[in-house]
Each structure stands twice: as structure tokens, then as C-alpha cells.
């Protein structure tokens, strides 16, 4: 059974990069080596793999990657630290700061 991964990298500037792959180790090494000059992580190396989850359905993995990419930094950090119970509250809009 083939697995597909959605992963989050923490970049050296404190930002996060979310991606999708079927070979997590190889893709991580590509990010770390700067294999793609135009990529987001190229100038933000070194990167650290801080989160990943596996899927058997590539469509579900891609859908999840797109969803996570829209998340706030706080929401990504909740997932990274396995605080999934915080995700619903972090999704609520804050009005009248």
C-alpha cells in the first residue's frame, strides 16, 4: 500500500512550509539541500521537519495540504504540538481587537 504524506517544515526564519509527497525522506533531503532555487525553503534553510501525517488516499492528502496551507501560524503550531483540541477555537474569527 502506497503512502502519501503531508508535512510541515519549520524554516530558519521561523516560518512554516507545508507540502505533500509520496517519499518523505527524499523530499526532506531535497528541501535541506536546496534542490530547487525558486522554492520557498531555498533561502530559509536549514529546515526542520516538525510535523507529518500519512494517508493512503492521495486526493485526501492533497486536500489536507491545501487546508493546512491556509491555517494561521498559531493553528499550525497547535497541530505541530499535538494540541488538536485547540484547532476549533483557533479557527474562530476575532472581531473588535
PDB file of N, CA and C in Angstrom:
ATOM      1  N   UNK A   1       0.855  -1.174   0.000  1.00  0.00           N
ATOM      2  CA  UNK A   1       0.000   0.000   0.000  1.00  0.00           C
ATOM      3  C   UNK A   1       0.903   1.240   0.000  1.00  0.00           C
ATOM      4  N   UNK A   2       0.675   2.102  -0.955  1.00  0.00           N
ATOM      5  CA  UNK A   2       1.464   3.323  -1.076  1.00  0.00           C
ATOM      6  C   UNK A   2       0.950   4.363  -0.093  1.00  0.00           C
ATOM      7  N   UNK A   3       1.885   5.086   0.531  1.00  0.00           N
ATOM      8  CA  UNK A   3       1.528   6.141   1.466  1.00  0.00           C
ATOM      9  C   UNK A   3       1.884   7.506   0.890  1.00  0.00           C
ATOM     10  N   UNK A   4       1.101   8.484   1.274  1.00  0.00           N
ATOM     11  CA  UNK A   4       1.298   9.872   0.875  1.00  0.00           C
ATOM     12  C   UNK A   4       1.368  10.698   2.153  1.00  0.00           C
ATOM     13  N   UNK A   5       2.211  11.693   2.147  1.00  0.00           N
ATOM     14  CA  UNK A   5       2.465  12.463   3.360  1.00  0.00           C
ATOM     15  C   UNK A   5       2.177  13.944   3.167  1.00  0.00           C
ATOM     16  N   UNK A   6       1.607  14.530   4.192  1.00  0.00           N
ATOM     17  CA  UNK A   6       1.509  15.980   4.306  1.00  0.00           C
ATOM     18  C   UNK A   6       2.443  16.326   5.450  1.00  0.00           C
ATOM     19  N   UNK A   7       3.289  17.322   5.220  1.00  0.00           N
ATOM     20  CA  UNK A   7       4.311  17.636   6.206  1.00  0.00           C
ATOM     21  C   UNK A   7       4.437  19.140   6.397  1.00  0.00           C
ATOM     22  N   UNK A   8       4.967  19.510   7.551  1.00  0.00           N
ATOM     23  CA  UNK A   8       5.260  20.913   7.848  1.00  0.00           C
ATOM     24  C   UNK A   8       6.733  21.003   8.218  1.00  0.00           C
ATOM     25  N   UNK A   9       7.418  21.934   7.576  1.00  0.00           N
ATOM     26  CA  UNK A   9       8.810  22.226   7.890  1.00  0.00           C
ATOM     27  C   UNK A   9       8.879  23.565   8.605  1.00  0.00           C
ATOM     28  N   UNK A  10       9.703  23.648   9.626  1.00  0.00           N
ATOM     29  CA  UNK A  10       9.994  24.947  10.236  1.00  0.00           C
ATOM     30  C   UNK A  10      11.268  25.465   9.591  1.00  0.00           C
ATOM     31  N   UNK A  11      11.175  26.658   9.032  1.00  0.00           N
ATOM     32  CA  UNK A  11      12.307  27.265   8.337  1.00  0.00           C
ATOM     33  C   UNK A  11      13.166  28.052   9.323  1.00  0.00           C
ATOM     34  N   UNK A  12      14.385  28.362   8.905  1.00  0.00           N
ATOM     35  CA  UNK A  12      15.327  29.061   9.784  1.00  0.00           C
ATOM     36  C   UNK A  12      14.842  30.452  10.182  1.00  0.00           C
ATOM     37  N   UNK A  13      13.915  31.030   9.417  1.00  0.00           N
ATOM     38  CA  UNK A  13      13.387  32.355   9.765  1.00  0.00           C
ATOM     39  C   UNK A  13      12.130  32.282  10.632  1.00  0.00           C
ATOM     40  N   UNK A  14      11.774  31.077  11.077  1.00  0.00           N
ATOM     41  CA  UNK A  14      10.620  30.913  11.957  1.00  0.00           C
ATOM     42  C   UNK A  14       9.298  30.708  11.239  1.00  0.00           C
ATOM     43  N   UNK A  15       9.304  30.722   9.914  1.00  0.00           N
ATOM     44  CA  UNK A  15       8.081  30.482   9.152  1.00  0.00           C
ATOM     45  C   UNK A  15       7.908  28.980   8.943  1.00  0.00           C
ATOM     46  N   UNK A  16       6.724  28.619   8.462  1.00  0.00           N
ATOM     47  CA  UNK A  16       6.425  27.214   8.201  1.00  0.00           C
ATOM     48  C   UNK A  16       6.135  27.000   6.726  1.00  0.00           C
ATOM     49  N   UNK A  17       6.552  25.843   6.235  1.00  0.00           N
ATOM     50  CA  UNK A  17       6.260  25.424   4.865  1.00  0.00           C
ATOM     51  C   UNK A  17       5.489  24.128   4.947  1.00  0.00           C
ATOM     52  N   UNK A  18       4.395  24.031   4.227  1.00  0.00           N
ATOM     53  CA  UNK A  18       3.577  22.826   4.197  1.00  0.00           C
ATOM     54  C   UNK A  18       3.668  22.203   2.820  1.00  0.00           C
ATOM     55  N   UNK A  19       3.856  20.894   2.770  1.00  0.00           N
ATOM     56  CA  UNK A  19       3.984  20.219   1.488  1.00  0.00           C
ATOM     57  C   UNK A  19       3.345  18.845   1.480  1.00  0.00           C
ATOM     58  N   UNK A  20       3.394  18.222   0.312  1.00  0.00           N
ATOM     59  CA  UNK A  20       2.805  16.907   0.051  1.00  0.00           C
ATOM     60  C   UNK A  20       3.841  16.088  -0.717  1.00  0.00           C
ATOM     61  N   UNK A  21       3.968  14.815  -0.393  1.00  0.00           N
ATOM     62  CA  UNK A  21       4.912  13.949  -1.105  1.00  0.00           C
ATOM     63  C   UNK A  21       4.549  12.485  -0.892  1.00  0.00           C
ATOM     64  N   UNK A  22       5.088  11.636  -1.746  1.00  0.00           N
ATOM     65  CA  UNK A  22       4.944  10.197  -1.544  1.00  0.00           C
ATOM     66  C   UNK A  22       6.249   9.595  -1.012  1.00  0.00           C
ATOM     67  N   UNK A  23       7.292  10.411  -0.902  1.00  0.00           N
ATOM     68  CA  UNK A  23       8.584   9.953  -0.365  1.00  0.00           C
ATOM     69  C   UNK A  23       9.110  11.029   0.579  1.00  0.00           C
ATOM     70  N   UNK A  24       8.721  10.925   1.823  1.00  0.00           N
ATOM     71  CA  UNK A  24       9.007  11.980   2.796  1.00  0.00           C
ATOM     72  C   UNK A  24      10.508  12.199   3.007  1.00  0.00           C
ATOM     73  N   UNK A  25      11.247  11.141   3.170  1.00  0.00           N
ATOM     74  CA  UNK A  25      12.687  11.272   3.425  1.00  0.00           C
ATOM     75  C   UNK A  25      13.394  11.955   2.244  1.00  0.00           C
ATOM     76  N   UNK A  26      13.090  11.517   1.036  1.00  0.00           N
ATOM     77  CA  UNK A  26      13.710  12.107  -0.154  1.00  0.00           C
ATOM     78  C   UNK A  26      13.331  13.580  -0.299  1.00  0.00           C
ATOM     79  N   UNK A  27      12.064  13.893  -0.091  1.00  0.00           N
ATOM     80  CA  UNK A  27      11.608  15.282  -0.242  1.00  0.00           C
ATOM     81  C   UNK A  27      12.246  16.176   0.813  1.00  0.00           C
ATOM     82  N   UNK A  28      12.364  15.675   2.040  1.00  0.00           N
ATOM     83  CA  UNK A  28      13.015  16.442   3.098  1.00  0.00           C
ATOM     84  C   UNK A  28      14.469  16.747   2.721  1.00  0.00           C
ATOM     85  N   UNK A  29      15.164  15.755   2.204  1.00  0.00           N
ATOM     86  CA  UNK A  29      16.554  15.952   1.802  1.00  0.00           C
ATOM     87  C   UNK A  29      16.662  16.974   0.669  1.00  0.00           C
ATOM     88  N   UNK A  30      15.683  16.983  -0.236  1.00  0.00           N
ATOM     89  CA  UNK A  30      15.674  17.994  -1.304  1.00  0.00           C
ATOM     90  C   UNK A  30      15.544  19.399  -0.724  1.00  0.00           C
ATOM     91  N   UNK A  31      14.646  19.565   0.231  1.00  0.00           N
ATOM     92  CA  UNK A  31      14.489  20.869   0.886  1.00  0.00           C
ATOM     93  C   UNK A  31      15.797  21.263   1.570  1.00  0.00           C
ATOM     94  N   UNK A  32      16.367  20.334   2.315  1.00  0.00           N
ATOM     95  CA  UNK A  32      17.574  20.616   3.089  1.00  0.00           C
ATOM     96  C   UNK A  32      18.756  20.970   2.183  1.00  0.00           C
ATOM     97  N   UNK A  33      18.844  20.318   1.024  1.00  0.00           N
ATOM     98  CA  UNK A  33      19.956  20.539   0.098  1.00  0.00           C
ATOM     99  C   UNK A  33      19.740  21.758  -0.797  1.00  0.00           C
ATOM    100  N   UNK A  34      18.533  22.295  -0.822  1.00  0.00           N
ATOM    101  CA  UNK A  34      18.242  23.422  -1.701  1.00  0.00           C
ATOM    102  C   UNK A  34      18.178  23.008  -3.156  1.00  0.00           C
ATOM    103  N   UNK A  35      17.529  21.896  -3.414  1.00  0.00           N
ATOM    104  CA  UNK A  35      17.467  21.333  -4.771  1.00  0.00           C
ATOM    105  C   UNK A  35      16.753  22.240  -5.765  1.00  0.00           C
ATOM    106  N   UNK A  36      15.853  23.081  -5.293  1.00  0.00           N
ATOM    107  CA  UNK A  36      15.082  23.942  -6.195  1.00  0.00           C
ATOM    108  C   UNK A  36      15.281  25.406  -5.799  1.00  0.00           C
ATOM    109  N   UNK A  37      16.029  26.129  -6.595  1.00  0.00           N
ATOM    110  CA  UNK A  37      16.404  27.512  -6.318  1.00  0.00           C
ATOM    111  C   UNK A  37      15.195  28.422  -6.089  1.00  0.00           C
ATOM    112  N   UNK A  38      14.114  28.209  -6.831  1.00  0.00           N
ATOM    113  CA  UNK A  38      12.934  29.069  -6.730  1.00  0.00           C
ATOM    114  C   UNK A  38      11.962  28.657  -5.625  1.00  0.00           C
ATOM    115  N   UNK A  39      12.299  27.635  -4.860  1.00  0.00           N
ATOM    116  CA  UNK A  39      11.367  27.156  -3.836  1.00  0.00           C
ATOM    117  C   UNK A  39      11.365  28.067  -2.602  1.00  0.00           C
ATOM    118  N   UNK A  40      10.287  28.012  -1.855  1.00  0.00           N
ATOM    119  CA  UNK A  40      10.122  28.831  -0.648  1.00  0.00           C
ATOM    120  C   UNK A  40      11.234  28.552   0.362  1.00  0.00           C
ATOM    121  N   UNK A  41      11.607  27.302   0.491  1.00  0.00           N
ATOM    122  CA  UNK A  41      12.566  26.929   1.537  1.00  0.00           C
ATOM    123  C   UNK A  41      14.025  27.175   1.151  1.00  0.00           C
ATOM    124  N   UNK A  42      14.309  27.433  -0.110  1.00  0.00           N
ATOM    125  CA  UNK A  42      15.700  27.543  -0.565  1.00  0.00           C
ATOM    126  C   UNK A  42      16.508  28.535   0.277  1.00  0.00           C
ATOM    127  N   UNK A  43      15.999  29.730   0.438  1.00  0.00           N
ATOM    128  CA  UNK A  43      16.741  30.758   1.179  1.00  0.00           C
ATOM    129  C   UNK A  43      16.417  30.746   2.674  1.00  0.00           C
ATOM    130  N   UNK A  44      15.636  29.765   3.122  1.00  0.00           N
ATOM    131  CA  UNK A  44      15.232  29.692   4.526  1.00  0.00           C
ATOM    132  C   UNK A  44      15.786  28.441   5.203  1.00  0.00           C
ATOM    133  N   UNK A  45      16.844  27.894   4.630  1.00  0.00           N
ATOM    134  CA  UNK A  45      17.481  26.712   5.200  1.00  0.00           C
ATOM    135  C   UNK A  45      18.409  27.109   6.333  1.00  0.00           C
ATOM    136  N   UNK A  46      18.659  26.209   7.265  1.00  0.00           N
ATOM    137  CA  UNK A  46      18.178  24.829   7.310  1.00  0.00           C
ATOM    138  C   UNK A  46      16.707  24.769   7.727  1.00  0.00           C
ATOM    139  N   UNK A  47      16.084  23.671   7.379  1.00  0.00           N
ATOM    140  CA  UNK A  47      14.691  23.432   7.751  1.00  0.00           C
ATOM    141  C   UNK A  47      14.634  22.229   8.686  1.00  0.00           C
ATOM    142  N   UNK A  48      13.568  22.179   9.474  1.00  0.00           N
ATOM    143  CA  UNK A  48      13.368  21.073  10.408  1.00  0.00           C
ATOM    144  C   UNK A  48      11.980  20.503  10.163  1.00  0.00           C
ATOM    145  N   UNK A  49      11.907  19.198  10.018  1.00  0.00           N
ATOM    146  CA  UNK A  49      10.612  18.537   9.878  1.00  0.00           C
ATOM    147  C   UNK A  49       9.955  18.515  11.252  1.00  0.00           C
ATOM    148  N   UNK A  50       8.842  19.236  11.391  1.00  0.00           N
ATOM    149  CA  UNK A  50       8.195  19.354  12.701  1.00  0.00           C
ATOM    150  C   UNK A  50       6.853  18.632  12.779  1.00  0.00           C
ATOM    151  N   UNK A  51       6.316  18.218  11.620  1.00  0.00           N
ATOM    152  CA  UNK A  51       5.023  17.544  11.622  1.00  0.00           C
ATOM    153  C   UNK A  51       4.852  16.779  10.317  1.00  0.00           C
ATOM    154  N   UNK A  52       4.273  15.598  10.416  1.00  0.00           N
ATOM    155  CA  UNK A  52       3.825  14.911   9.211  1.00  0.00           C
ATOM    156  C   UNK A  52       2.715  13.950   9.574  1.00  0.00           C
ATOM    157  N   UNK A  53       1.907  13.652   8.595  1.00  0.00           N
ATOM    158  CA  UNK A  53       0.851  12.668   8.746  1.00  0.00           C
ATOM    159  C   UNK A  53       0.734  11.900   7.433  1.00  0.00           C
ATOM    160  N   UNK A  54       0.359  10.644   7.528  1.00  0.00           N
ATOM    161  CA  UNK A  54       0.326   9.769   6.356  1.00  0.00           C
ATOM    162  C   UNK A  54      -1.111   9.479   5.923  1.00  0.00           C
ATOM    163  N   UNK A  55      -1.268   9.292   4.622  1.00  0.00           N
ATOM    164  CA  UNK A  55      -2.568   8.995   4.016  1.00  0.00           C
ATOM    165  C   UNK A  55      -2.392   7.860   3.012  1.00  0.00           C
ATOM    166  N   UNK A  56      -3.441   7.095   2.803  1.00  0.00           N
ATOM    167  CA  UNK A  56      -3.430   6.100   1.732  1.00  0.00           C
ATOM    168  C   UNK A  56      -4.122   6.642   0.488  1.00  0.00           C
ATOM    169  N   UNK A  57      -4.901   7.694   0.640  1.00  0.00           N
ATOM    170  CA  UNK A  57      -5.614   8.317  -0.471  1.00  0.00           C
ATOM    171  C   UNK A  57      -4.904   9.619  -0.854  1.00  0.00           C
ATOM    172  N   UNK A  58      -4.295   9.673  -2.038  1.00  0.00           N
ATOM    173  CA  UNK A  58      -3.566  10.889  -2.413  1.00  0.00           C
ATOM    174  C   UNK A  58      -4.459  12.120  -2.511  1.00  0.00           C
ATOM    175  N   UNK A  59      -5.701  11.945  -2.905  1.00  0.00           N
ATOM    176  CA  UNK A  59      -6.613  13.085  -3.014  1.00  0.00           C
ATOM    177  C   UNK A  59      -6.904  13.705  -1.653  1.00  0.00           C
ATOM    178  N   UNK A  60      -7.061  12.860  -0.648  1.00  0.00           N
ATOM    179  CA  UNK A  60      -7.297  13.348   0.706  1.00  0.00           C
ATOM    180  C   UNK A  60      -6.042  14.059   1.233  1.00  0.00           C
ATOM    181  N   UNK A  61      -4.884  13.531   0.907  1.00  0.00           N
ATOM    182  CA  UNK A  61      -3.630  14.166   1.330  1.00  0.00           C
ATOM    183  C   UNK A  61      -3.489  15.545   0.700  1.00  0.00           C
ATOM    184  N   UNK A  62      -3.759  15.657  -0.583  1.00  0.00           N
ATOM    185  CA  UNK A  62      -3.663  16.950  -1.274  1.00  0.00           C
ATOM    186  C   UNK A  62      -4.669  17.941  -0.701  1.00  0.00           C
ATOM    187  N   UNK A  63      -5.872  17.472  -0.447  1.00  0.00           N
ATOM    188  CA  UNK A  63      -6.906  18.325   0.148  1.00  0.00           C
ATOM    189  C   UNK A  63      -6.464  18.822   1.530  1.00  0.00           C
ATOM    190  N   UNK A  64      -5.868  17.946   2.317  1.00  0.00           N
ATOM    191  CA  UNK A  64      -5.393  18.318   3.648  1.00  0.00           C
ATOM    192  C   UNK A  64      -4.248  19.325   3.556  1.00  0.00           C
ATOM    193  N   UNK A  65      -3.325  19.101   2.625  1.00  0.00           N
ATOM    194  CA  UNK A  65      -2.220  20.046   2.432  1.00  0.00           C
ATOM    195  C   UNK A  65      -2.757  21.446   2.114  1.00  0.00           C
ATOM    196  N   UNK A  66      -3.704  21.522   1.207  1.00  0.00           N
ATOM    197  CA  UNK A  66      -4.278  22.822   0.836  1.00  0.00           C
ATOM    198  C   UNK A  66      -4.956  23.482   2.027  1.00  0.00           C
ATOM    199  N   UNK A  67      -5.630  22.684   2.848  1.00  0.00           N
ATOM    200  CA  UNK A  67      -6.297  23.214   4.029  1.00  0.00           C
ATOM    201  C   UNK A  67      -5.279  23.769   5.029  1.00  0.00           C
ATOM    202  N   UNK A  68      -4.232  23.009   5.303  1.00  0.00           N
ATOM    203  CA  UNK A  68      -3.218  23.437   6.268  1.00  0.00           C
ATOM    204  C   UNK A  68      -2.496  24.692   5.789  1.00  0.00           C
ATOM    205  N   UNK A  69      -2.269  24.800   4.496  1.00  0.00           N
ATOM    206  CA  UNK A  69      -1.582  25.985   3.959  1.00  0.00           C
ATOM    207  C   UNK A  69      -2.347  27.274   4.265  1.00  0.00           C
ATOM    208  N   UNK A  70      -3.652  27.177   4.443  1.00  0.00           N
ATOM    209  CA  UNK A  70      -4.477  28.352   4.738  1.00  0.00           C
ATOM    210  C   UNK A  70      -4.512  28.674   6.233  1.00  0.00           C
ATOM    211  N   UNK A  71      -4.014  27.784   7.064  1.00  0.00           N
ATOM    212  CA  UNK A  71      -4.073  27.962   8.504  1.00  0.00           C
ATOM    213  C   UNK A  71      -3.143  29.073   8.977  1.00  0.00           C
ATOM    214  N   UNK A  72      -3.491  29.660  10.104  1.00  0.00           N
ATOM    215  CA  UNK A  72      -2.628  30.642  10.757  1.00  0.00           C
ATOM    216  C   UNK A  72      -1.420  29.921  11.363  1.00  0.00           C
ATOM    217  N   UNK A  73      -0.428  30.710  11.722  1.00  0.00           N
ATOM    218  CA  UNK A  73       0.760  30.150  12.374  1.00  0.00           C
ATOM    219  C   UNK A  73       0.363  29.470  13.685  1.00  0.00           C
ATOM    220  N   UNK A  74      -0.539  30.081  14.443  1.00  0.00           N
ATOM    221  CA  UNK A  74      -0.978  29.518  15.724  1.00  0.00           C
ATOM    222  C   UNK A  74      -1.648  28.155  15.527  1.00  0.00           C
ATOM    223  N   UNK A  75      -2.433  28.050  14.495  1.00  0.00           N
ATOM    224  CA  UNK A  75      -3.127  26.798  14.232  1.00  0.00           C
ATOM    225  C   UNK A  75      -2.139  25.706  13.810  1.00  0.00           C
ATOM    226  N   UNK A  76      -1.159  26.074  12.986  1.00  0.00           N
ATOM    227  CA  UNK A  76      -0.128  25.107  12.590  1.00  0.00           C
ATOM    228  C   UNK A  76       0.657  24.650  13.814  1.00  0.00           C
ATOM    229  N   UNK A  77       0.971  25.580  14.715  1.00  0.00           N
ATOM    230  CA  UNK A  77       1.727  25.224  15.909  1.00  0.00           C
ATOM    231  C   UNK A  77       0.923  24.317  16.832  1.00  0.00           C
ATOM    232  N   UNK A  78      -0.374  24.491  16.886  1.00  0.00           N
ATOM    233  CA  UNK A  78      -1.218  23.592  17.675  1.00  0.00           C
ATOM    234  C   UNK A  78      -1.126  22.167  17.116  1.00  0.00           C
ATOM    235  N   UNK A  79      -1.175  22.022  15.803  1.00  0.00           N
ATOM    236  CA  UNK A  79      -1.051  20.707  15.187  1.00  0.00           C
ATOM    237  C   UNK A  79       0.345  20.125  15.422  1.00  0.00           C
ATOM    238  N   UNK A  80       1.357  20.949  15.272  1.00  0.00           N
ATOM    239  CA  UNK A  80       2.738  20.506  15.484  1.00  0.00           C
ATOM    240  C   UNK A  80       2.922  19.947  16.891  1.00  0.00           C
ATOM    241  N   UNK A  81       2.283  20.572  17.884  1.00  0.00           N
ATOM    242  CA  UNK A  81       2.427  20.172  19.281  1.00  0.00           C
ATOM    243  C   UNK A  81       1.325  19.205  19.733  1.00  0.00           C
ATOM    244  N   UNK A  82       0.636  18.596  18.755  1.00  0.00           N
ATOM    245  CA  UNK A  82      -0.418  17.611  19.033  1.00  0.00           C
ATOM    246  C   UNK A  82      -1.508  18.147  19.951  1.00  0.00           C
ATOM    247  N   UNK A  83      -1.844  19.415  19.792  1.00  0.00           N
ATOM    248  CA  UNK A  83      -2.918  20.031  20.561  1.00  0.00           C
ATOM    249  C   UNK A  83      -4.127  20.229  19.645  1.00  0.00           C
ATOM    250  N   UNK A  84      -4.593  19.138  19.095  1.00  0.00           N
ATOM    251  CA  UNK A  84      -5.662  19.193  18.102  1.00  0.00           C
ATOM    252  C   UNK A  84      -6.969  19.733  18.669  1.00  0.00           C
ATOM    253  N   UNK A  85      -7.147  19.606  19.991  1.00  0.00           N
ATOM    254  CA  UNK A  85      -8.364  20.125  20.618  1.00  0.00           C
ATOM    255  C   UNK A  85      -8.442  21.650  20.531  1.00  0.00           C
ATOM    256  N   UNK A  86      -7.324  22.322  20.303  1.00  0.00           N
ATOM    257  CA  UNK A  86      -7.301  23.786  20.196  1.00  0.00           C
ATOM    258  C   UNK A  86      -7.679  24.281  18.799  1.00  0.00           C
ATOM    259  N   UNK A  87      -7.670  23.402  17.818  1.00  0.00           N
ATOM    260  CA  UNK A  87      -7.903  23.830  16.439  1.00  0.00           C
ATOM    261  C   UNK A  87      -9.247  24.526  16.229  1.00  0.00           C
ATOM    262  N   UNK A  88     -10.353  24.021  16.784  1.00  0.00           N
ATOM    263  CA  UNK A  88     -11.635  24.718  16.550  1.00  0.00           C
ATOM    264  C   UNK A  88     -11.635  26.163  17.058  1.00  0.00           C
ATOM    265  N   UNK A  89     -11.083  26.417  18.239  1.00  0.00           N
ATOM    266  CA  UNK A  89     -11.065  27.779  18.773  1.00  0.00           C
ATOM    267  C   UNK A  89     -10.122  28.673  17.982  1.00  0.00           C
ATOM    268  N   UNK A  90      -9.071  28.128  17.443  1.00  0.00           N
ATOM    269  CA  UNK A  90      -8.145  28.916  16.651  1.00  0.00           C
ATOM    270  C   UNK A  90      -8.723  29.253  15.280  1.00  0.00           C
ATOM    271  N   UNK A  91      -9.793  28.591  14.918  1.00  0.00           N
ATOM    272  CA  UNK A  91     -10.459  28.839  13.640  1.00  0.00           C
ATOM    273  C   UNK A  91     -11.447  29.988  13.713  1.00  0.00           C
ATOM    274  N   UNK A  92     -11.854  30.353  14.915  1.00  0.00           N
ATOM    275  CA  UNK A  92     -12.864  31.401  15.064  1.00  0.00           C
ATOM    276  C   UNK A  92     -12.290  32.762  14.767  1.00  0.00           C
ATOM    277  N   UNK A  93     -13.089  33.581  14.103  1.00  0.00           N
ATOM    278  CA  UNK A  93     -12.686  34.951  13.762  1.00  0.00           C
ATOM    279  C   UNK A  93     -12.636  35.784  15.026  1.00  0.00           C
ATOM    280  N   UNK A  94     -11.679  36.679  15.052  1.00  0.00           N
ATOM    281  CA  UNK A  94     -11.555  37.613  16.172  1.00  0.00           C
ATOM    282  C   UNK A  94     -12.012  38.987  15.687  1.00  0.00           C
ATOM    283  N   UNK A  95     -13.117  39.465  16.242  1.00  0.00           N
ATOM    284  CA  UNK A  95     -13.647  40.776  15.855  1.00  0.00           C
ATOM    285  C   UNK A  95     -13.390  41.779  16.961  1.00  0.00           C
ATOM    286  N   UNK A  96     -13.165  43.024  16.564  1.00  0.00           N
ATOM    287  CA  UNK A  96     -13.005  44.110  17.527  1.00  0.00           C
ATOM    288  C   UNK A  96     -11.797  43.956  18.430  1.00  0.00           C
ATOM    289  N   UNK A  97     -10.631  43.783  17.828  1.00  0.00           N
ATOM    290  CA  UNK A  97      -9.410  43.599  18.611  1.00  0.00           C
ATOM    291  C   UNK A  97      -9.204  44.704  19.588  1.00  0.00           C
TER     292      UNK A  97
END
